């Protein structure tokens, strides 16, 4: 399924939740032109295998569809993906996990620094190290990794 996050009358998240209630879990990819980290996390928790921001390139879409179909055909690959994600997350320190959780909840670095009583620069350094250790290049990719690391999240 290719699902737009902002469908008329029903959000893409609502559609995914409705489809999953029936016990069906078709491979789903959510696309949107306007997203934030919280939406990516919600989409992944609702069962989306991938999340793509518009404009969607042909190659990116085809690769995502192929990946979704491959995971749907082979549950072992899905388990392997979860294990790989969990191993990346396991490489983080307790402080990095704490900061990652706050970042994925949508908190800006300035607020994280104030909440943890550390400098904003320290938060930025932790964020950079989180990206490096997990091997991701963007916050949506980090959100996908974090959600994938927790089976059934």
N, C-alpha and C. Protein backbone atom coordinates (compact mmCIF):
# COMPACT_ATOMS: atom_id res chain seq x y z
N UNK A 1 0.84 -1.17 0.00
CA UNK A 1 0.00 0.00 0.00
C UNK A 1 0.88 1.24 0.00
N UNK A 2 0.53 2.19 -0.85
CA UNK A 2 1.12 3.51 -0.79
C UNK A 2 0.07 4.41 -0.17
N UNK A 3 0.39 5.02 0.95
CA UNK A 3 -0.58 5.80 1.70
C UNK A 3 -0.07 7.22 1.87
N UNK A 4 -0.88 8.18 1.46
CA UNK A 4 -0.53 9.58 1.71
C UNK A 4 -0.94 9.91 3.14
N UNK A 5 -0.10 10.62 3.86
CA UNK A 5 -0.39 10.96 5.25
C UNK A 5 -1.64 11.81 5.39
N UNK A 6 -1.92 12.62 4.37
CA UNK A 6 -3.06 13.53 4.46
C UNK A 6 -4.10 13.20 3.41
N UNK A 7 -4.85 12.15 3.65
CA UNK A 7 -5.94 11.76 2.77
C UNK A 7 -7.17 12.60 3.10
N UNK A 8 -8.02 12.88 2.12
CA UNK A 8 -9.25 13.62 2.43
C UNK A 8 -10.20 12.75 3.25
N UNK A 9 -10.66 13.27 4.36
CA UNK A 9 -11.63 12.56 5.20
C UNK A 9 -11.02 11.64 6.24
N UNK A 10 -9.82 11.15 6.00
CA UNK A 10 -9.18 10.24 6.94
C UNK A 10 -7.67 10.37 6.75
N UNK A 11 -6.94 10.44 7.84
CA UNK A 11 -5.48 10.54 7.70
C UNK A 11 -4.91 9.18 7.31
N UNK A 12 -3.72 9.22 6.76
CA UNK A 12 -3.04 7.98 6.41
C UNK A 12 -2.79 7.11 7.64
N UNK A 13 -2.52 7.75 8.79
CA UNK A 13 -2.33 7.00 10.03
C UNK A 13 -3.61 6.27 10.43
N UNK A 14 -4.75 6.95 10.27
CA UNK A 14 -6.03 6.32 10.58
C UNK A 14 -6.29 5.13 9.65
N UNK A 15 -5.95 5.29 8.39
CA UNK A 15 -6.13 4.19 7.43
C UNK A 15 -5.26 2.99 7.82
N UNK A 16 -4.00 3.23 8.15
CA UNK A 16 -3.13 2.13 8.56
C UNK A 16 -3.68 1.44 9.80
N UNK A 17 -4.15 2.22 10.77
CA UNK A 17 -4.71 1.64 11.99
C UNK A 17 -5.94 0.79 11.67
N UNK A 18 -6.78 1.27 10.78
CA UNK A 18 -8.00 0.54 10.41
C UNK A 18 -7.65 -0.77 9.70
N UNK A 19 -6.71 -0.72 8.79
CA UNK A 19 -6.31 -1.93 8.07
C UNK A 19 -5.70 -2.94 9.04
N UNK A 20 -4.89 -2.46 9.99
CA UNK A 20 -4.23 -3.36 10.93
C UNK A 20 -5.20 -3.96 11.95
N UNK A 21 -6.32 -3.32 12.21
CA UNK A 21 -7.32 -3.86 13.14
C UNK A 21 -7.87 -5.18 12.62
N UNK A 22 -8.03 -5.28 11.33
CA UNK A 22 -8.58 -6.49 10.72
C UNK A 22 -7.59 -7.65 10.71
N UNK A 23 -6.43 -7.46 11.33
CA UNK A 23 -5.43 -8.52 11.38
C UNK A 23 -4.57 -8.60 10.14
N UNK A 24 -4.84 -7.77 9.17
CA UNK A 24 -4.05 -7.73 7.95
C UNK A 24 -2.90 -6.74 8.14
N UNK A 25 -1.76 -7.09 7.65
CA UNK A 25 -0.62 -6.19 7.74
C UNK A 25 0.05 -6.11 6.37
N UNK A 26 -0.65 -5.51 5.41
CA UNK A 26 -0.02 -5.41 4.09
C UNK A 26 1.18 -4.47 4.17
N UNK A 27 2.18 -4.72 3.35
CA UNK A 27 3.32 -3.80 3.37
C UNK A 27 2.85 -2.40 2.99
N UNK A 28 3.19 -1.43 3.81
CA UNK A 28 2.72 -0.06 3.60
C UNK A 28 3.88 0.92 3.60
N UNK A 29 3.78 1.87 2.72
CA UNK A 29 4.74 2.97 2.63
C UNK A 29 3.94 4.25 2.74
N UNK A 30 4.32 5.11 3.68
CA UNK A 30 3.63 6.38 3.85
C UNK A 30 4.42 7.46 3.13
N UNK A 31 3.69 8.30 2.40
CA UNK A 31 4.32 9.43 1.73
C UNK A 31 3.63 10.72 2.20
N UNK A 32 4.38 11.80 2.24
CA UNK A 32 3.82 13.08 2.63
C UNK A 32 4.72 14.21 2.16
N UNK A 33 4.12 15.35 2.02
CA UNK A 33 4.88 16.54 1.66
C UNK A 33 5.22 17.39 2.86
N UNK A 34 4.64 17.04 4.01
CA UNK A 34 4.84 17.85 5.21
C UNK A 34 4.87 16.92 6.41
N UNK A 35 6.06 16.71 6.98
CA UNK A 35 6.14 15.77 8.09
C UNK A 35 7.08 16.29 9.16
N UNK A 36 7.00 15.63 10.29
CA UNK A 36 7.95 15.85 11.36
C UNK A 36 8.32 14.50 11.94
N UNK A 37 9.24 14.49 12.87
CA UNK A 37 9.73 13.23 13.42
C UNK A 37 8.60 12.46 14.10
N UNK A 38 7.72 13.17 14.80
CA UNK A 38 6.61 12.50 15.49
C UNK A 38 5.72 11.74 14.50
N UNK A 39 5.50 12.33 13.32
CA UNK A 39 4.67 11.66 12.32
C UNK A 39 5.37 10.41 11.79
N UNK A 40 6.68 10.50 11.59
CA UNK A 40 7.43 9.33 11.10
C UNK A 40 7.31 8.20 12.12
N UNK A 41 7.51 8.53 13.39
CA UNK A 41 7.42 7.51 14.44
C UNK A 41 6.02 6.90 14.47
N UNK A 42 4.99 7.75 14.41
CA UNK A 42 3.60 7.26 14.43
C UNK A 42 3.32 6.35 13.24
N UNK A 43 3.82 6.73 12.06
CA UNK A 43 3.60 5.92 10.86
C UNK A 43 4.27 4.55 11.00
N UNK A 44 5.49 4.54 11.51
CA UNK A 44 6.20 3.29 11.67
C UNK A 44 5.51 2.42 12.73
N UNK A 45 5.02 3.03 13.78
CA UNK A 45 4.31 2.28 14.81
C UNK A 45 2.99 1.74 14.28
N UNK A 46 2.40 2.44 13.33
CA UNK A 46 1.14 2.00 12.73
C UNK A 46 1.36 0.91 11.69
N UNK A 47 2.61 0.60 11.39
CA UNK A 47 2.88 -0.50 10.49
C UNK A 47 3.53 -0.14 9.17
N UNK A 48 3.81 1.15 8.95
CA UNK A 48 4.48 1.52 7.70
C UNK A 48 5.90 0.96 7.70
N UNK A 49 6.29 0.38 6.61
CA UNK A 49 7.64 -0.15 6.48
C UNK A 49 8.61 0.96 6.13
N UNK A 50 8.11 1.97 5.44
CA UNK A 50 8.96 3.09 5.05
C UNK A 50 8.14 4.37 5.06
N UNK A 51 8.84 5.48 5.06
CA UNK A 51 8.22 6.80 5.10
C UNK A 51 9.02 7.67 4.13
N UNK A 52 8.34 8.20 3.12
CA UNK A 52 9.03 8.97 2.09
C UNK A 52 8.43 10.37 2.01
N UNK A 53 9.30 11.36 1.95
CA UNK A 53 8.83 12.73 1.81
C UNK A 53 8.76 13.13 0.34
N UNK A 54 7.70 13.87 0.00
CA UNK A 54 7.54 14.40 -1.35
C UNK A 54 8.50 15.56 -1.54
N UNK A 55 8.95 15.80 -2.72
CA UNK A 55 8.65 15.05 -3.94
C UNK A 55 9.37 13.70 -3.93
N UNK A 56 8.66 12.69 -4.36
CA UNK A 56 9.18 11.33 -4.36
C UNK A 56 9.83 11.05 -5.71
N UNK A 57 11.10 10.67 -5.66
CA UNK A 57 11.80 10.31 -6.88
C UNK A 57 11.44 8.91 -7.31
N UNK A 58 11.45 8.67 -8.59
CA UNK A 58 11.08 7.37 -9.16
C UNK A 58 11.94 6.25 -8.57
N UNK A 59 13.26 6.45 -8.53
CA UNK A 59 14.17 5.41 -8.04
C UNK A 59 13.93 5.14 -6.56
N UNK A 60 13.73 6.21 -5.79
CA UNK A 60 13.48 6.05 -4.36
C UNK A 60 12.18 5.27 -4.11
N UNK A 61 11.14 5.61 -4.86
CA UNK A 61 9.86 4.93 -4.70
C UNK A 61 9.97 3.45 -5.09
N UNK A 62 10.59 3.17 -6.20
CA UNK A 62 10.74 1.78 -6.65
C UNK A 62 11.57 0.97 -5.65
N UNK A 63 12.64 1.57 -5.12
CA UNK A 63 13.47 0.87 -4.14
C UNK A 63 12.68 0.60 -2.86
N UNK A 64 11.88 1.56 -2.44
CA UNK A 64 11.08 1.40 -1.24
C UNK A 64 10.02 0.31 -1.42
N UNK A 65 9.36 0.31 -2.57
CA UNK A 65 8.34 -0.71 -2.86
C UNK A 65 8.99 -2.10 -2.90
N UNK A 66 10.13 -2.21 -3.56
CA UNK A 66 10.83 -3.50 -3.64
C UNK A 66 11.22 -3.99 -2.24
N UNK A 67 11.70 -3.07 -1.41
CA UNK A 67 12.10 -3.41 -0.05
C UNK A 67 10.89 -3.87 0.77
N UNK A 68 9.78 -3.15 0.65
CA UNK A 68 8.55 -3.50 1.39
C UNK A 68 8.05 -4.88 0.98
N UNK A 69 8.06 -5.15 -0.32
CA UNK A 69 7.60 -6.45 -0.81
C UNK A 69 8.52 -7.57 -0.34
N UNK A 70 9.82 -7.30 -0.35
CA UNK A 70 10.79 -8.29 0.10
C UNK A 70 10.57 -8.63 1.58
N UNK A 71 10.36 -7.61 2.41
CA UNK A 71 10.11 -7.84 3.83
C UNK A 71 8.79 -8.58 4.05
N UNK A 72 7.79 -8.26 3.25
CA UNK A 72 6.49 -8.92 3.38
C UNK A 72 6.57 -10.40 3.00
N UNK A 73 7.40 -10.73 2.02
CA UNK A 73 7.55 -12.12 1.58
C UNK A 73 8.38 -12.95 2.54
N UNK A 74 9.30 -12.32 3.23
CA UNK A 74 10.24 -13.06 4.06
C UNK A 74 10.28 -12.47 5.46
N UNK A 75 9.53 -13.06 6.38
CA UNK A 75 9.48 -12.55 7.74
C UNK A 75 10.85 -12.64 8.42
N UNK A 76 11.69 -13.54 7.97
CA UNK A 76 13.05 -13.64 8.51
C UNK A 76 13.85 -12.38 8.25
N UNK A 77 13.61 -11.76 7.09
CA UNK A 77 14.31 -10.52 6.78
C UNK A 77 13.82 -9.39 7.68
N UNK A 78 12.54 -9.42 8.01
CA UNK A 78 12.00 -8.42 8.93
C UNK A 78 12.64 -8.57 10.30
N UNK A 79 12.78 -9.80 10.75
CA UNK A 79 13.43 -10.06 12.04
C UNK A 79 14.90 -9.62 11.99
N UNK A 80 15.57 -9.91 10.88
CA UNK A 80 16.96 -9.49 10.72
C UNK A 80 17.07 -7.97 10.75
N UNK A 81 16.12 -7.28 10.11
CA UNK A 81 16.11 -5.82 10.11
C UNK A 81 15.94 -5.30 11.54
N UNK A 82 15.05 -5.93 12.30
CA UNK A 82 14.83 -5.52 13.69
C UNK A 82 16.09 -5.76 14.53
N UNK A 83 16.73 -6.88 14.32
CA UNK A 83 17.94 -7.19 15.07
C UNK A 83 19.07 -6.22 14.73
N UNK A 84 19.20 -5.89 13.45
CA UNK A 84 20.23 -4.93 13.04
C UNK A 84 19.97 -3.55 13.65
N UNK A 85 18.71 -3.12 13.63
CA UNK A 85 18.35 -1.84 14.22
C UNK A 85 18.64 -1.84 15.71
N UNK A 86 18.29 -2.94 16.38
CA UNK A 86 18.53 -3.05 17.82
C UNK A 86 20.02 -3.00 18.13
N UNK A 87 20.84 -3.60 17.27
CA UNK A 87 22.28 -3.58 17.53
C UNK A 87 22.85 -2.17 17.37
N UNK A 88 22.33 -1.41 16.42
CA UNK A 88 22.77 -0.01 16.28
C UNK A 88 22.38 0.80 17.51
N UNK A 89 21.18 0.60 18.00
CA UNK A 89 20.71 1.32 19.18
C UNK A 89 21.51 0.90 20.41
N UNK A 90 21.90 -0.37 20.48
CA UNK A 90 22.67 -0.87 21.61
C UNK A 90 24.05 -0.23 21.70
N UNK A 91 24.53 0.34 20.60
CA UNK A 91 25.84 1.00 20.59
C UNK A 91 25.81 2.36 21.27
N UNK A 92 24.63 2.83 21.63
CA UNK A 92 24.51 4.16 22.25
C UNK A 92 24.68 4.08 23.76
N UNK A 93 25.23 5.15 24.32
CA UNK A 93 25.34 5.25 25.78
C UNK A 93 23.97 5.57 26.36
N UNK A 94 23.85 5.46 27.67
CA UNK A 94 22.58 5.78 28.33
C UNK A 94 22.20 7.24 28.07
N UNK A 95 23.16 8.15 28.10
CA UNK A 95 22.87 9.57 27.85
C UNK A 95 22.43 9.77 26.41
N UNK A 96 23.08 9.09 25.48
CA UNK A 96 22.69 9.21 24.08
C UNK A 96 21.29 8.67 23.85
N UNK A 97 20.93 7.57 24.50
CA UNK A 97 19.58 7.04 24.40
C UNK A 97 18.56 8.04 24.94
N UNK A 98 18.91 8.67 26.05
CA UNK A 98 18.03 9.66 26.65
C UNK A 98 17.83 10.84 25.70
N UNK A 99 18.90 11.32 25.11
CA UNK A 99 18.82 12.45 24.18
C UNK A 99 18.09 12.03 22.91
N UNK A 100 18.36 10.83 22.39
CA UNK A 100 17.67 10.36 21.20
C UNK A 100 16.16 10.32 21.44
N UNK A 101 15.76 9.82 22.58
CA UNK A 101 14.33 9.74 22.91
C UNK A 101 13.71 11.13 22.93
N UNK A 102 14.40 12.09 23.49
CA UNK A 102 13.88 13.46 23.56
C UNK A 102 13.83 14.10 22.17
N UNK A 103 14.85 13.84 21.36
CA UNK A 103 14.88 14.36 19.99
C UNK A 103 13.71 13.78 19.20
N UNK A 104 13.49 12.47 19.31
CA UNK A 104 12.41 11.82 18.57
C UNK A 104 11.04 12.23 19.06
N UNK A 105 10.98 12.73 20.29
CA UNK A 105 9.72 13.26 20.81
C UNK A 105 9.48 14.69 20.34
N UNK A 106 10.46 15.24 19.59
CA UNK A 106 10.29 16.57 19.01
C UNK A 106 10.86 17.72 19.81
N UNK A 107 11.62 17.42 20.86
CA UNK A 107 12.19 18.48 21.68
C UNK A 107 13.40 19.11 20.99
N UNK A 108 13.47 20.44 20.94
CA UNK A 108 14.66 21.09 20.36
C UNK A 108 15.86 20.96 21.30
N UNK A 109 17.05 21.06 20.73
CA UNK A 109 18.29 20.92 21.50
C UNK A 109 18.34 21.87 22.69
N UNK A 110 17.87 23.07 22.50
CA UNK A 110 17.89 24.08 23.58
C UNK A 110 17.08 23.59 24.79
N UNK A 111 15.91 23.02 24.53
CA UNK A 111 15.06 22.51 25.61
C UNK A 111 15.67 21.25 26.25
N UNK A 112 16.26 20.40 25.43
CA UNK A 112 16.91 19.20 25.96
C UNK A 112 18.03 19.60 26.90
N UNK A 113 18.82 20.58 26.47
CA UNK A 113 19.93 21.06 27.30
C UNK A 113 19.42 21.58 28.64
N UNK A 114 18.37 22.36 28.61
CA UNK A 114 17.81 22.91 29.85
C UNK A 114 17.27 21.79 30.74
N UNK A 115 16.55 20.83 30.14
CA UNK A 115 15.97 19.73 30.91
C UNK A 115 17.04 18.85 31.56
N UNK A 116 18.16 18.66 30.86
CA UNK A 116 19.22 17.77 31.36
C UNK A 116 20.32 18.53 32.10
N UNK A 117 20.18 19.86 32.15
CA UNK A 117 21.16 20.72 32.82
C UNK A 117 22.57 20.55 32.23
N UNK A 118 22.61 20.54 30.90
CA UNK A 118 23.88 20.49 30.17
C UNK A 118 23.84 21.59 29.11
N UNK A 119 24.97 21.84 28.48
CA UNK A 119 25.00 22.90 27.46
C UNK A 119 24.35 22.43 26.17
N UNK A 120 23.88 23.40 25.40
CA UNK A 120 23.29 23.08 24.10
C UNK A 120 24.35 22.45 23.19
N UNK A 121 25.56 22.91 23.31
CA UNK A 121 26.66 22.37 22.50
C UNK A 121 26.88 20.87 22.82
N UNK A 122 26.76 20.51 24.10
CA UNK A 122 26.90 19.11 24.49
C UNK A 122 25.79 18.27 23.88
N UNK A 123 24.57 18.81 23.87
CA UNK A 123 23.45 18.10 23.24
C UNK A 123 23.74 17.90 21.75
N UNK A 124 24.22 18.95 21.08
CA UNK A 124 24.53 18.85 19.65
C UNK A 124 25.63 17.81 19.40
N UNK A 125 26.63 17.77 20.28
CA UNK A 125 27.69 16.76 20.14
C UNK A 125 27.12 15.35 20.31
N UNK A 126 26.22 15.17 21.28
CA UNK A 126 25.59 13.86 21.46
C UNK A 126 24.76 13.50 20.23
N UNK A 127 24.01 14.46 19.70
CA UNK A 127 23.19 14.19 18.51
C UNK A 127 24.07 13.73 17.35
N UNK A 128 25.19 14.42 17.15
CA UNK A 128 26.10 14.05 16.06
C UNK A 128 26.65 12.63 16.28
N UNK A 129 27.00 12.31 17.52
CA UNK A 129 27.52 10.98 17.81
C UNK A 129 26.44 9.90 17.65
N UNK A 130 25.21 10.23 17.99
CA UNK A 130 24.09 9.30 17.80
C UNK A 130 23.95 8.97 16.32
N UNK A 131 24.00 10.00 15.48
CA UNK A 131 23.87 9.79 14.03
C UNK A 131 25.03 8.93 13.53
N UNK A 132 26.23 9.21 14.02
CA UNK A 132 27.41 8.47 13.58
C UNK A 132 27.33 7.00 14.01
N UNK A 133 27.00 6.76 15.27
CA UNK A 133 26.97 5.38 15.79
C UNK A 133 25.85 4.55 15.18
N UNK A 134 24.75 5.19 14.84
CA UNK A 134 23.63 4.44 14.26
C UNK A 134 23.74 4.34 12.74
N UNK A 135 24.59 5.18 12.15
CA UNK A 135 24.79 5.13 10.71
C UNK A 135 23.68 5.78 9.91
N UNK A 136 22.90 6.65 10.53
CA UNK A 136 21.81 7.33 9.83
C UNK A 136 22.24 8.74 9.44
N UNK A 137 21.52 9.30 8.46
CA UNK A 137 21.87 10.62 7.95
C UNK A 137 20.82 11.69 8.26
N UNK A 138 19.63 11.26 8.74
CA UNK A 138 18.55 12.23 8.98
C UNK A 138 17.72 11.79 10.18
N UNK A 139 16.95 12.74 10.72
CA UNK A 139 16.07 12.41 11.84
C UNK A 139 14.97 11.41 11.45
N UNK A 140 14.34 11.56 10.27
CA UNK A 140 13.36 10.53 9.90
C UNK A 140 13.99 9.13 9.82
N UNK A 141 15.21 9.05 9.33
CA UNK A 141 15.90 7.76 9.25
C UNK A 141 16.20 7.23 10.66
N UNK A 142 16.55 8.13 11.59
CA UNK A 142 16.77 7.72 12.98
C UNK A 142 15.47 7.22 13.59
N UNK A 143 14.38 7.89 13.29
CA UNK A 143 13.07 7.46 13.80
C UNK A 143 12.73 6.07 13.28
N UNK A 144 12.96 5.82 11.99
CA UNK A 144 12.70 4.50 11.41
C UNK A 144 13.54 3.44 12.11
N UNK A 145 14.81 3.76 12.35
CA UNK A 145 15.70 2.81 13.00
C UNK A 145 15.22 2.52 14.42
N UNK A 146 14.86 3.56 15.16
CA UNK A 146 14.42 3.37 16.55
C UNK A 146 13.14 2.54 16.62
N UNK A 147 12.20 2.81 15.73
CA UNK A 147 10.94 2.05 15.74
C UNK A 147 11.20 0.61 15.29
N UNK A 148 12.07 0.41 14.31
CA UNK A 148 12.38 -0.93 13.83
C UNK A 148 13.07 -1.77 14.90
N UNK A 149 13.77 -1.12 15.81
CA UNK A 149 14.51 -1.83 16.84
C UNK A 149 13.60 -2.44 17.89
N UNK A 150 12.34 -1.99 17.92
CA UNK A 150 11.40 -2.47 18.92
C UNK A 150 10.28 -3.23 18.22
N UNK A 151 10.35 -4.56 18.14
CA UNK A 151 9.31 -5.33 17.45
C UNK A 151 7.94 -5.04 18.05
N UNK A 152 6.97 -4.80 17.17
CA UNK A 152 5.61 -4.55 17.62
C UNK A 152 5.39 -3.18 18.20
N UNK A 153 6.37 -2.27 18.09
CA UNK A 153 6.22 -0.93 18.65
C UNK A 153 5.20 -0.14 17.89
